[in-house]
Protein backbone atom coordinates (compact mmCIF):
# COMPACT_ATOMS: atom_id res chain seq x y z
CA MET A 1 -128.95 -8.58 1.21
CA ARG A 2 -131.65 -6.77 0.43
CA LYS A 3 -134.16 -5.67 2.74
CA VAL A 4 -137.86 -4.83 2.58
CA VAL A 5 -140.36 -3.57 5.39
CA PHE A 6 -143.54 -5.83 6.43
CA LEU A 7 -146.24 -3.92 8.14
CA SER A 8 -148.77 -5.92 9.96
CA PHE A 9 -152.20 -5.03 8.56
CA LEU A 10 -153.85 -3.89 12.13
CA MET A 11 -150.59 -2.76 13.56
CA ALA A 12 -151.60 0.72 14.09
CA LEU A 13 -154.94 -0.06 15.31
CA GLY A 14 -153.69 -1.89 18.62
CA ILE A 15 -154.45 -5.53 19.57
CA GLU A 16 -157.86 -4.65 20.86
CA ALA A 17 -159.17 -4.31 17.12
CA ALA A 18 -159.44 -7.58 16.27
CA MET A 19 -160.56 -9.40 19.81
CA ALA A 20 -163.84 -9.87 19.44
CA CYS A 21 -164.84 -11.13 15.67
CA THR A 22 -167.03 -13.57 13.66
CA ASN A 23 -166.64 -16.15 10.91
CA LEU A 24 -169.40 -18.01 8.96
CA ILE A 25 -168.20 -20.43 6.77
CA VAL A 26 -169.68 -22.43 4.18
CA GLY A 27 -168.78 -25.67 2.35
CA LYS A 28 -169.07 -25.67 -1.89
CA LYS A 29 -172.08 -28.39 -1.44
CA ALA A 30 -173.68 -26.56 1.17
CA SER A 31 -174.15 -23.56 -1.14
CA VAL A 32 -176.50 -23.12 -3.60
CA ASP A 33 -173.96 -22.26 -6.61
CA GLY A 34 -171.00 -24.42 -5.57
CA SER A 35 -169.10 -21.45 -3.90
CA VAL A 36 -166.95 -22.04 -0.68
CA MET A 37 -167.82 -19.05 1.21
CA CYS A 38 -166.74 -17.31 4.77
CA THR A 39 -167.26 -14.00 6.59
CA TYR A 40 -165.93 -11.75 8.87
CA ASN A 41 -166.69 -9.10 11.06
CA CYS A 42 -163.79 -7.27 12.67
CA ASP A 43 -165.24 -5.72 15.71
CA GLY A 44 -162.91 -3.22 17.97
CA PHE A 45 -163.34 -0.03 19.35
CA GLY A 46 -160.76 2.92 18.47
CA PHE A 47 -159.96 2.11 14.90
CA SER A 48 -161.53 2.92 11.38
CA GLY A 49 -161.79 0.19 9.21
CA SER A 50 -160.03 0.27 5.75
CA LEU A 51 -159.14 -2.06 3.07
CA SER A 52 -155.65 -3.37 2.98
CA TYR A 53 -153.60 -4.40 -0.27
CA SER A 54 -150.27 -5.86 -0.93
CA PRO A 55 -148.89 -6.22 -4.70
CA SER A 56 -147.80 -9.58 -6.23
CA GLY A 57 -144.07 -9.65 -7.26
CA ARG A 58 -140.78 -11.55 -7.69
CA HIS A 59 -138.03 -11.42 -5.15
CA GLU A 60 -134.17 -11.59 -5.07
CA PRO A 61 -132.42 -14.37 -3.27
CA GLY A 62 -131.74 -13.40 0.30
CA GLU A 63 -134.47 -10.64 0.42
CA LEU A 64 -135.74 -10.31 3.89
CA ILE A 65 -139.12 -8.82 5.49
CA GLU A 66 -138.61 -6.93 8.45
CA ILE A 67 -141.59 -7.87 10.75
CA ARG A 68 -143.47 -4.98 12.96
CA GLY A 69 -146.31 -6.39 14.43
CA TRP A 70 -148.45 -4.82 17.04
CA GLY A 71 -147.00 -7.21 20.00
CA ALA A 72 -143.79 -6.62 21.59
CA SER A 73 -140.83 -4.36 19.61
CA HIS A 74 -139.50 -6.78 17.04
CA LYS A 75 -137.19 -3.76 15.18
CA GLY A 76 -134.14 -5.25 13.44
CA ARG A 77 -136.02 -9.13 12.98
CA TYR A 78 -136.69 -10.54 9.83
CA VAL A 79 -138.67 -13.16 7.84
CA LYS A 80 -136.70 -14.53 4.72
CA GLN A 81 -138.73 -13.72 1.81
CA VAL A 82 -139.63 -16.31 -0.69
CA GLU A 83 -139.32 -15.98 -4.92
CA TYR A 84 -142.99 -15.31 -5.43
CA THR A 85 -145.75 -13.20 -3.69
CA TYR A 86 -149.01 -13.03 -4.65
CA ASN A 87 -151.67 -10.08 -5.12
CA VAL A 88 -153.87 -9.71 -2.12
CA VAL A 89 -156.75 -7.56 -1.42
CA GLY A 90 -158.19 -7.19 2.07
CA LEU A 91 -157.84 -11.12 3.08
CA MET A 92 -158.36 -12.78 -0.08
CA ASN A 93 -155.16 -13.46 -2.43
CA GLU A 94 -155.26 -13.65 -6.22
CA LYS A 95 -155.67 -17.30 -6.29
CA GLN A 96 -158.84 -17.15 -3.90
CA VAL A 97 -157.18 -18.25 -0.63
CA THR A 98 -159.03 -16.40 2.04
CA ILE A 99 -157.57 -16.45 5.60
CA VAL A 100 -160.01 -14.71 8.47
CA GLU A 101 -159.70 -15.15 12.14
CA THR A 102 -161.68 -14.84 15.30
CA THR A 103 -159.70 -14.52 19.05
CA PHE A 104 -160.22 -17.03 21.69
CA ASP A 105 -157.14 -15.83 24.19
CA GLY A 106 -157.33 -18.95 25.78
CA ARG A 107 -154.83 -19.68 28.17
CA LEU A 108 -152.70 -16.54 28.75
CA GLU A 109 -149.97 -18.37 30.44
CA LEU A 110 -149.11 -19.43 26.81
CA VAL A 111 -148.41 -16.14 25.25
CA ASN A 112 -144.62 -15.81 24.20
CA GLN A 113 -143.85 -12.07 23.53
CA GLU A 114 -140.73 -12.98 22.31
CA GLY A 115 -142.00 -15.07 19.50
CA LEU A 116 -141.84 -12.77 16.22
CA LEU A 117 -145.10 -13.50 14.55
CA ASP A 118 -148.35 -12.42 15.74
CA TYR A 119 -151.70 -13.76 14.00
CA PHE A 120 -152.33 -11.32 11.72
CA SER A 121 -148.57 -11.05 10.49
CA LEU A 122 -148.78 -14.88 10.15
CA MET A 123 -152.30 -14.77 8.06
CA ARG A 124 -150.54 -12.11 5.78
CA LEU A 125 -147.60 -14.04 5.05
CA ALA A 126 -149.77 -17.35 4.30
CA LEU A 127 -151.67 -15.06 1.92
CA GLN A 128 -149.13 -13.96 0.21
CA ARG A 129 -147.11 -17.15 -0.29
CA SER A 130 -150.28 -20.07 -0.77
CA SER A 131 -152.32 -21.20 -3.96
CA THR A 132 -154.32 -23.24 -1.85
CA ALA A 133 -156.02 -23.35 1.76
CA ARG A 134 -153.70 -26.82 2.44
CA GLU A 135 -150.64 -24.55 1.62
CA ALA A 136 -151.53 -21.69 3.63
CA ILE A 137 -152.08 -24.33 6.61
CA LYS A 138 -148.55 -25.80 5.94
CA CYS A 139 -146.94 -22.13 5.47
CA MET A 140 -148.08 -20.70 8.82
CA ALA A 141 -147.39 -24.14 10.57
CA GLU A 142 -143.66 -23.71 9.35
CA LEU A 143 -143.49 -20.16 9.81
CA VAL A 144 -144.57 -20.47 13.64
CA GLU A 145 -142.18 -23.15 13.94
CA GLU A 146 -138.96 -21.36 12.96
CA TYR A 147 -139.85 -17.79 14.01
CA GLY A 148 -142.26 -18.18 16.82
CA TYR A 149 -146.16 -16.95 17.64
CA ASN A 150 -146.53 -14.36 20.44
CA SER A 151 -150.16 -13.92 20.13
CA SER A 152 -152.84 -15.77 22.29
CA GLY A 153 -155.30 -17.98 21.31
CA GLU A 154 -156.63 -17.71 17.38
CA THR A 155 -159.30 -19.72 15.27
CA LEU A 156 -158.26 -19.29 11.86
CA THR A 157 -161.07 -19.95 8.77
CA ILE A 158 -158.80 -20.98 5.85
CA CYS A 159 -160.61 -21.29 2.68
CA ASP A 160 -160.06 -21.80 -1.32
CA PRO A 161 -162.37 -22.38 -4.37
CA ASN A 162 -162.56 -25.71 -3.37
CA GLU A 163 -162.17 -26.48 0.40
CA ALA A 164 -162.83 -24.83 3.78
CA TRP A 165 -160.49 -25.36 6.88
CA ILE A 166 -160.76 -24.55 10.35
CA MET A 167 -157.55 -24.20 12.35
CA GLU A 168 -156.78 -23.28 15.93
CA ILE A 169 -153.64 -22.25 17.31
CA ILE A 170 -151.92 -21.20 20.53
CA GLY A 171 -148.56 -20.49 21.59
CA LYS A 172 -146.32 -22.20 23.94
CA GLY A 173 -145.40 -19.72 26.69
CA PRO A 174 -142.50 -17.52 27.32
CA GLY A 175 -139.32 -19.29 26.26
CA ASN A 176 -140.79 -21.92 24.04
CA ASN A 177 -141.12 -21.37 20.10
CA GLY A 178 -143.52 -22.43 17.88
CA ALA A 179 -146.97 -23.07 18.94
CA VAL A 180 -149.70 -26.19 19.37
CA TRP A 181 -152.47 -26.00 16.84
CA VAL A 182 -155.00 -28.20 14.95
CA ALA A 183 -156.97 -27.67 11.46
CA LEU A 184 -159.59 -29.63 10.54
CA ARG A 185 -161.37 -29.90 6.90
CA ILE A 186 -164.97 -28.80 6.87
CA PRO A 187 -166.87 -31.32 4.92
CA ASP A 188 -168.23 -29.78 1.78
CA ASP A 189 -172.20 -30.18 2.77
CA CYS A 190 -171.90 -28.47 5.95
CA ILE A 191 -171.82 -25.19 7.75
CA CYS A 192 -169.44 -23.78 10.38
CA ALA A 193 -168.96 -20.78 12.25
CA HIS A 194 -166.39 -19.61 14.95
CA ALA A 195 -166.84 -16.59 17.36
CA ASN A 196 -163.86 -16.08 20.17
CA ILE A 197 -164.11 -19.31 21.58
CA SER A 198 -162.16 -22.55 20.30
CA ARG A 199 -164.34 -24.80 18.56
CA ILE A 200 -162.37 -27.97 17.86
CA ARG A 201 -162.71 -30.65 20.72
CA GLN A 202 -161.85 -34.37 19.83
CA PHE A 203 -160.02 -34.93 16.44
CA PRO A 204 -158.71 -38.08 14.50
CA LEU A 205 -154.98 -39.25 15.32
CA GLU A 206 -152.40 -40.19 12.79
CA LYS A 207 -152.40 -43.86 12.03
CA LYS A 208 -149.49 -45.36 10.52
CA GLY A 209 -149.70 -45.80 6.96
CA LYS A 210 -153.35 -44.12 6.66
CA TYR A 211 -153.26 -40.43 5.87
CA ALA A 212 -156.83 -38.91 6.74
CA SER A 213 -155.07 -37.27 9.59
CA ILE A 214 -151.55 -36.23 9.77
CA SER A 215 -148.99 -34.78 12.36
CA SER A 216 -146.66 -31.85 11.58
CA LYS A 217 -144.26 -34.59 11.15
CA ASN A 218 -145.66 -35.67 7.97
CA LEU A 219 -146.43 -32.35 6.58
CA LYS A 220 -145.37 -33.08 3.14
CA HIS A 221 -148.25 -35.10 3.16
CA ILE A 222 -150.80 -32.52 3.46
CA ASN A 223 -151.85 -32.26 -0.37
CA ARG A 224 -153.23 -35.95 -0.26
CA PRO A 225 -156.81 -35.16 -0.82
CA GLU A 226 -157.65 -37.84 1.69
CA VAL A 227 -155.82 -35.86 4.39
CA GLU A 228 -158.70 -34.08 6.48
CA CYS A 229 -156.87 -33.69 9.99
CA VAL A 230 -153.68 -31.92 10.49
CA TYR A 231 -152.01 -30.99 13.79
CA ALA A 232 -148.70 -30.11 15.41
CA ALA A 233 -146.93 -33.39 16.67
CA ASP A 234 -146.74 -32.23 20.52
CA VAL A 235 -150.21 -30.59 20.54
CA ILE A 236 -151.54 -33.53 23.16
CA SER A 237 -147.92 -34.06 24.83
CA PHE A 238 -147.84 -30.45 25.54
CA ALA A 239 -150.81 -30.01 27.02
CA LYS A 240 -149.96 -32.82 29.36
CA GLU A 241 -146.58 -31.55 30.42
CA TRP A 242 -148.38 -28.25 31.46
CA GLY A 243 -150.76 -30.13 33.09
CA PHE A 244 -154.00 -29.20 31.20
CA TYR A 245 -155.09 -32.77 30.20
CA SER A 246 -153.99 -36.36 31.48
CA GLY A 247 -156.28 -38.53 30.24
CA LYS A 248 -155.96 -41.02 26.74
CA ASP A 249 -154.86 -39.18 23.55
CA GLU A 250 -157.68 -40.40 21.74
CA ASP A 251 -160.19 -38.33 24.05
CA PHE A 252 -158.19 -35.22 24.12
CA SER A 253 -160.20 -32.04 23.52
CA PHE A 254 -158.31 -29.26 22.02
CA ARG A 255 -160.93 -26.59 23.58
CA ASP A 256 -160.77 -28.23 26.77
CA ALA A 257 -157.29 -27.98 26.95
CA TYR A 258 -156.26 -24.97 25.75
CA CYS A 259 -159.69 -23.08 25.99
CA PRO A 260 -161.84 -23.74 29.36
CA ILE A 261 -165.51 -22.84 29.00
CA ASP A 262 -167.28 -20.63 31.30
CA PHE A 263 -170.52 -18.98 31.28
CA GLU A 264 -169.14 -15.65 29.85
CA ASN A 265 -167.16 -17.23 26.86
CA VAL A 266 -170.13 -19.38 25.94
CA ARG A 267 -172.81 -16.75 25.94
CA TYR A 268 -171.03 -14.01 24.71
CA ALA A 269 -169.22 -16.19 21.98
CA ASP A 270 -170.80 -19.57 20.93
CA ALA A 271 -174.45 -18.04 21.15
CA ARG A 272 -173.49 -16.33 18.02
CA VAL A 273 -172.54 -19.49 16.79
CA TRP A 274 -175.70 -20.83 17.71
CA SER A 275 -177.69 -18.10 16.14
CA PHE A 276 -176.07 -18.67 12.92
CA PHE A 277 -176.93 -22.55 12.69
CA ARG A 278 -180.60 -21.77 14.06
CA HIS A 279 -181.06 -19.64 10.69
CA HIS A 280 -180.18 -22.73 8.67
CA TYR A 281 -181.44 -25.91 10.74
CA SER A 282 -184.53 -27.00 12.69
CA HIS A 283 -185.20 -24.32 15.36
CA GLU A 284 -186.65 -27.35 17.79
CA GLU A 285 -183.46 -29.36 17.40
CA MET A 286 -180.73 -26.15 17.96
CA ASP A 287 -183.08 -24.87 21.08
CA LYS A 288 -182.09 -28.13 22.57
CA TYR A 289 -178.59 -26.27 23.02
CA LEU A 290 -180.36 -23.47 24.96
CA PRO A 291 -178.99 -25.14 28.38
CA TYR A 292 -175.28 -24.82 26.91
CA ILE A 293 -176.03 -21.27 25.97
CA ASN A 294 -177.56 -20.64 29.28
CA GLY A 295 -174.08 -21.84 31.18
CA GLU A 296 -176.05 -25.50 32.27
CA PHE A 297 -173.08 -27.39 31.45
CA ASP A 298 -174.10 -30.19 33.17
CA LYS A 299 -176.89 -30.68 30.90
CA CYS A 300 -174.88 -29.87 27.43
CA ASP A 301 -171.25 -28.90 27.27
CA HIS A 302 -170.86 -28.01 23.28
CA LEU A 303 -172.31 -27.27 20.15
CA PRO A 304 -171.49 -29.63 16.99
CA LEU A 305 -168.44 -28.08 15.35
CA TRP A 306 -170.48 -27.92 12.23
CA ILE A 307 -173.91 -28.98 10.79
CA LYS A 308 -175.68 -29.88 7.55
CA PRO A 309 -178.06 -27.11 7.12
CA ASP A 310 -181.87 -27.83 5.95
CA LYS A 311 -181.01 -26.24 2.65
CA PRO A 312 -178.25 -24.70 0.70
CA LEU A 313 -177.45 -21.39 1.56
CA SER A 314 -177.14 -18.25 -0.84
CA LEU A 315 -174.30 -15.22 -0.59
CA ARG A 316 -177.36 -13.20 0.21
CA ASP A 317 -178.35 -15.52 3.05
CA LEU A 318 -174.88 -15.53 4.42
CA GLN A 319 -174.84 -11.50 4.33
CA ASN A 320 -177.66 -11.56 6.17
CA ASP A 321 -176.68 -13.55 9.00
CA MET A 322 -173.84 -11.46 9.36
CA ARG A 323 -176.60 -8.89 10.42
CA ASP A 324 -178.14 -10.89 13.37
CA HIS A 325 -179.15 -9.65 16.81
CA PHE A 326 -180.96 -12.78 17.81
CA GLU A 327 -184.32 -11.99 16.16
CA GLY A 328 -186.74 -14.54 16.80
CA THR A 329 -184.74 -16.40 19.37
CA PRO A 330 -185.18 -16.39 23.17
CA LEU A 331 -182.00 -14.25 23.23
CA ASP A 332 -183.70 -11.39 21.12
CA MET A 333 -181.97 -8.20 21.51
CA THR A 334 -185.00 -5.99 20.22
CA ALA A 335 -187.70 -7.72 22.24
CA ASP A 336 -187.83 -6.01 25.93
CA MET A 337 -187.18 -2.90 27.36
CA THR A 338 -183.68 -3.02 27.18
CA ALA A 339 -184.18 -2.10 23.53
CA GLY A 340 -185.41 1.42 24.64
CA PRO A 341 -188.12 3.46 22.98
CA TRP A 342 -187.35 2.42 19.82
CA GLY A 343 -186.34 -1.52 19.50
CA MET A 344 -182.75 -0.58 19.06
CA PRO A 345 -180.74 -3.94 18.74
CA ILE A 346 -177.24 -2.93 19.86
CA ARG A 347 -176.08 -2.09 23.46
CA PRO A 348 -173.54 -0.02 25.18
CA LEU A 349 -170.36 -1.18 26.61
CA PRO A 350 -169.33 -2.51 29.24
CA MET A 351 -170.68 -5.78 29.06
CA HIS A 352 -171.09 -6.09 32.55
CA PHE A 353 -173.24 -3.69 35.09
CA LYS A 354 -174.48 -3.47 38.31
CA ASP A 355 -177.70 -1.66 39.64
CA SER A 356 -177.90 0.30 42.53
CA ASP A 357 -178.25 -2.35 45.00
CA SER A 358 -174.85 -3.73 43.50
CA ILE A 359 -176.67 -6.56 41.36
CA PRO A 360 -174.65 -7.93 38.64
CA TYR A 361 -176.00 -8.00 34.87
CA PHE A 362 -174.79 -8.56 31.60
CA ARG A 363 -175.48 -7.42 27.98
CA GLU A 364 -176.09 -10.00 25.20
CA ARG A 365 -173.21 -9.92 22.26
CA PRO A 366 -174.89 -10.66 18.86
CA ILE A 367 -172.96 -11.07 15.58
CA ALA A 368 -173.55 -7.42 14.40
CA THR A 369 -172.47 -4.76 16.78
CA GLN A 370 -171.95 -1.44 16.27
CA GLN A 371 -167.82 -1.22 16.74
CA SER A 372 -167.21 -2.91 13.59
CA GLY A 373 -164.09 -1.84 11.86
CA PHE A 374 -165.18 -3.42 8.57
CA THR A 375 -167.33 -6.39 7.60
CA MET A 376 -166.55 -8.72 4.63
CA THR A 377 -168.51 -11.89 2.97
CA CYS A 378 -165.79 -13.84 0.76
CA GLN A 379 -167.00 -15.88 -2.29
CA MET A 380 -164.73 -18.23 -4.21
CA ARG A 381 -165.84 -20.16 -7.14
CA SER A 382 -163.82 -22.54 -8.44
CA TRP A 383 -165.22 -22.72 -12.09
CA LEU A 384 -164.38 -19.44 -13.04
CA PRO A 385 -161.05 -17.58 -13.76
CA ASP A 386 -159.48 -17.26 -10.23
CA ASP A 387 -159.16 -12.85 -10.89
CA VAL A 388 -163.20 -12.99 -11.10
CA GLY A 389 -163.81 -16.17 -9.29
CA GLY A 390 -162.73 -14.48 -5.85
CA VAL A 391 -164.89 -12.10 -4.70
CA THR A 392 -164.51 -10.05 -1.17
CA TRP A 393 -167.81 -8.13 -0.73
CA PHE A 394 -166.75 -5.78 1.72
CA ASN A 395 -167.48 -2.20 3.45
CA CYS A 396 -166.71 -0.58 6.49
CA ASP A 397 -168.45 -0.31 10.18
CA ASP A 398 -171.62 -2.43 11.39
CA ALA A 399 -172.55 -5.45 8.79
CA ASN A 400 -176.29 -4.55 9.90
CA MET A 401 -176.06 -0.87 8.89
CA VAL A 402 -173.99 -0.89 5.27
CA ALA A 403 -174.36 -2.33 2.04
CA TYR A 404 -171.98 -5.13 1.08
CA VAL A 405 -169.77 -3.94 -2.11
CA PRO A 406 -168.27 -6.71 -4.53
CA LEU A 407 -164.54 -6.18 -4.87
CA TYR A 408 -162.77 -8.85 -7.09
CA CYS A 409 -159.58 -10.36 -5.97
CA CYS A 410 -157.22 -9.54 -9.03
CA ILE A 411 -157.66 -5.82 -8.20
CA THR A 412 -154.64 -3.71 -7.95
CA GLN A 413 -156.24 -0.52 -6.69
CA VAL A 414 -158.06 -0.27 -3.71
CA PRO A 415 -161.33 2.04 -4.31
CA ASP A 416 -160.46 5.64 -2.59
CA CYS A 417 -163.40 5.38 -0.12
CA PHE A 418 -161.59 1.93 1.46
CA ARG A 419 -157.78 3.12 1.33
CA PRO A 420 -156.24 3.74 4.39
CA GLU A 421 -155.22 7.52 4.40
CA ASN A 422 -159.11 8.21 3.32
CA ASN A 423 -160.11 6.64 6.64
CA PRO A 424 -158.68 8.86 9.35
CA ARG A 425 -159.37 7.35 12.94
CA THR A 426 -160.27 11.12 14.72
CA GLU A 427 -161.35 13.28 11.78
CA PHE A 428 -164.76 13.17 9.94
CA SER A 429 -164.53 12.66 5.98
CA ASP A 430 -167.16 12.44 3.60
CA LYS A 431 -164.60 10.78 1.37
CA SER A 432 -164.33 7.72 3.91
CA ALA A 433 -166.97 4.89 3.85
CA PHE A 434 -166.09 4.59 7.58
CA TRP A 435 -167.28 7.88 8.50
CA MET A 436 -170.04 8.00 5.93
CA ASN A 437 -171.43 4.63 7.27
CA ASN A 438 -170.96 5.80 10.49
CA TRP A 439 -172.89 8.88 10.08
CA VAL A 440 -176.20 7.08 8.79
CA ALA A 441 -175.72 4.07 11.29
CA ASN A 442 -175.52 6.70 14.36
CA MET A 443 -178.86 8.51 13.26
CA VAL A 444 -180.50 5.43 13.12
CA TYR A 445 -179.42 3.52 16.14
CA PRO A 446 -181.36 5.85 18.76
CA ARG A 447 -184.82 5.71 16.80
CA TYR A 448 -184.03 2.18 15.29
CA SER A 449 -187.69 0.72 14.40
CA MET A 450 -188.40 4.08 13.15
CA MET A 451 -185.90 4.90 10.79
CA ILE A 452 -184.43 1.26 9.92
CA GLY A 453 -187.01 0.93 6.85
CA ASP A 454 -185.27 3.71 5.03
CA LEU A 455 -181.91 2.26 5.69
CA ARG A 456 -182.70 -1.04 4.27
CA LYS A 457 -184.38 0.51 1.22
CA ALA A 458 -181.02 1.94 0.36
CA GLN A 459 -178.84 -1.28 1.32
CA ASN A 460 -181.25 -3.53 -0.70
CA GLU A 461 -181.38 -1.09 -3.51
CA LEU A 462 -177.38 -1.17 -3.60
CA GLU A 463 -177.13 -4.73 -3.25
CA ASP A 464 -179.72 -5.74 -5.72
CA TYR A 465 -177.74 -3.68 -7.97
CA TYR A 466 -174.69 -5.64 -7.59
CA PHE A 467 -176.00 -8.96 -7.55
CA ALA A 468 -177.69 -8.36 -10.74
CA ASP A 469 -174.84 -6.89 -12.36
CA GLN A 470 -172.83 -9.96 -11.86
CA ASP A 471 -174.16 -11.61 -14.92
CA SER A 472 -173.15 -8.69 -16.93
CA VAL A 473 -169.32 -9.36 -15.75
CA LEU A 474 -168.99 -12.65 -16.27
CA THR A 475 -170.35 -12.01 -19.94
CA ALA A 476 -168.27 -9.04 -20.50
CA ILE A 477 -164.98 -10.86 -19.43
CA LYS A 478 -165.32 -14.01 -21.54
CA GLU A 479 -163.61 -12.88 -24.47
CA MET A 480 -161.13 -10.69 -22.86
CA MET A 481 -157.70 -11.33 -21.89
CA PRO A 482 -156.19 -11.56 -18.43
CA ALA A 483 -154.60 -8.01 -18.43
CA ASP A 484 -157.99 -6.24 -20.14
CA ARG A 485 -159.85 -8.47 -17.73
CA ARG A 486 -157.99 -7.26 -14.73
CA THR A 487 -158.10 -3.74 -15.94
CA TYR A 488 -162.13 -4.12 -16.34
CA LEU A 489 -162.44 -5.57 -12.71
CA ASN A 490 -160.62 -2.78 -10.96
CA GLN A 491 -162.99 -0.54 -12.63
CA LYS A 492 -166.10 -2.29 -11.83
CA SER A 493 -164.76 -2.51 -8.19
CA ILE A 494 -164.42 1.30 -8.39
CA ALA A 495 -167.68 2.12 -9.71
CA TYR A 496 -169.41 -0.14 -7.37
CA ALA A 497 -167.72 1.65 -4.29
CA ASP A 498 -168.26 5.01 -5.98
CA ARG A 499 -172.05 4.07 -6.10
CA MET A 500 -172.29 3.07 -2.65
CA MET A 501 -170.84 6.48 -1.37
CA THR A 502 -173.36 8.37 -3.57
CA ARG A 503 -176.23 6.29 -2.42
CA TRP A 504 -175.13 7.02 1.33
CA ASP A 505 -174.56 10.57 0.90
CA LYS A 506 -177.94 10.90 -0.38
CA LEU A 507 -179.54 8.52 2.44
CA ALA A 508 -177.72 10.38 5.35
CA LYS A 509 -179.42 13.99 4.25
CA TYR A 510 -182.75 12.35 3.52
CA LEU A 511 -182.71 10.99 7.15
CA ILE A 512 -181.70 14.31 8.72
CA VAL A 513 -184.79 16.07 6.88
CA ARG A 514 -187.65 13.19 7.46
CA TYR A 515 -186.88 12.41 10.92
CA ASN A 516 -186.10 16.23 12.27
CA ASP A 517 -186.96 16.92 15.73
CA GLN A 518 -188.64 13.48 16.33
CA ILE A 519 -191.14 13.56 13.97
CA VAL A 520 -191.67 11.61 10.88
CA ARG A 521 -192.08 13.90 7.59
CA ARG A 522 -194.69 12.33 5.38
CA VAL A 523 -193.68 11.39 1.77
CA ASP A 524 -195.72 10.45 -1.53
CA GLU A 525 -195.43 7.33 -3.32
CA ASN A 526 -192.56 8.08 -5.21
CA GLY A 527 -190.70 8.82 -1.64
CA GLN A 528 -190.82 12.66 -2.10
CA PHE A 529 -191.32 15.00 1.03
CA LEU A 530 -195.03 16.36 0.89
CA ARG A 531 -194.74 20.18 1.67
CA TRP A 532 -196.94 19.63 4.98
CA GLY A 533 -197.53 16.81 7.13
CA HIS A 534 -195.76 15.00 9.48
CA ASP A 535 -196.53 11.99 11.89
CA ARG A 536 -195.38 11.45 15.52
CA PRO A 537 -194.91 7.93 16.23
CA GLY A 538 -194.13 7.74 19.97
CA TYR A 539 -192.64 4.78 21.51
CA ASP A 540 -192.49 1.36 20.81
CA GLN A 541 -195.35 -0.56 22.68
CA GLN A 542 -193.10 -3.14 24.86
CA PHE A 543 -191.05 0.20 25.89
CA ILE A 544 -194.53 2.01 26.82
CA ASP A 545 -195.58 -1.07 28.90
CA ALA A 546 -192.63 -1.22 30.90
CA ILE A 547 -193.23 2.66 31.89
CA GLY A 548 -195.96 1.87 34.01
CA LYS A 549 -194.26 -1.15 35.62
CA THR A 550 -191.07 0.98 36.53
CA THR A 551 -192.60 4.35 37.08
CA GLY A 552 -196.13 3.50 38.77
CA GLU A 553 -198.32 6.60 39.02
CA ARG A 554 -195.67 9.08 38.06
CA TYR A 555 -197.13 9.33 34.28
CA ARG A 556 -200.66 8.05 34.65
CA LEU A 557 -203.12 10.21 33.05
CA LYS A 558 -205.75 11.36 35.27
CA GLU A 559 -209.45 12.44 34.00
CA VAL A 560 -210.13 15.72 35.09
CA ILE A 561 -213.14 17.15 34.57
CA LYS A 562 -213.24 20.90 34.26
CA ARG A 563 -216.59 22.67 35.57
CA ARG A 564 -217.43 25.88 33.98
CA GLU A 565 -217.59 28.62 36.55
CA ARG A 566 -220.91 30.57 36.20
């Protein structure tokens, strides 16, 4: 019996690595070009982002995979291998199937440390084994039933070139194998999102002879096109058994049973969903949900699971959504003195703090955040061959501060700057995308309003180039055989990443010269430094206004008339 080792993607990073993430999702009729799209910010301190890769392959009968996740030690425990596994780059496989996640924790008493599969091991196995989103849902349901699940509550985005699904899963507690879960197909003309809080409330239940909704007892029917909801057969009965729910089955809410809301998980999590929806729907209508975001649950206790946007979204719209800090909303992080002297839209942790009188405060938690290890926007296109139709636009670090680099789902060579071995956690390297991006970002953060324009220029320059080049890529591959096409797309992905690294090195060196010692060195119309001349921009006006209010007479300039002594 042959055995192989399978390492969970974030095994070395610790469970904190993916505990605070964001997914945005777009159905194919809600996108400008018919793409299915989804995003992922993987947020967590203490790790350096990189791009994972597992090659396709055929496997011998009886082959096993040793599971080594980030939970309890499972040495000597294995999962049966399948006959064929797909090429997986990041979180998209060669069939354009994509799975991303956010953690909602929920009821921690349901964590089962004896279960074999953590959620990232589960996702990676499904990506290796599935050619559609429906197959991935079936695969994960069967895996946790056979091998057990050891993570807390998780929301998964599962997409392919034709469909987008949202699936929520949580364990069944110590000594209980399997998990309870529910998956819903997102309408093609809608957008959806989740960010560390359960989002699924009521869902349709199975009816005899009809297949719009099926339980796990009927997973064989999951590929029927009319199926739009799938759930664990005991998802309701288990909640009743544990005392989480006591009402009628048709009124059952997965969120309320397995992830009860409070002000913190709504403000830190669903506020991100609200802001995304607000970008693409009536502000007046979305602001009706502000009582919910403010914890007034007697007035409103949920957001819609999905909405139909005012107009279709482009991929660039979605990338800009990933850079959100609530700008232009009542939660705007640049609009008061907590943004500091230069309108900084990020805040240091912890989330809670107290003043000298022990009065408690909190900080906002936006979509874009400094602790991201990596960020991706994934595009799946049904009208193109899989190897060019699936593109992961990827980079390491904060989505707001990086340029998204297109990487095709068929590639078999990870660009050097994204390879795990070139992104060490505790040592700076100019070969590392994570550290080059952090070098620039950590120069810009403290003097944000002063410096962000130069970063935006470089960011837009790169992304403009990448988007403009996609037409030439599609033209070039038309007459190619599949093997030649994959070689070409490998080379393209590597060249795109190299271009980003070169531009960011240039940007870092430019910033240190232009903004040296708190001044702004003047440039000509071509962006070249003038030999002489600089500006001293001072503080943002909102910070200046706050100075007098908080310091009184301390810094007030008094007119002094000097008399010349005769």
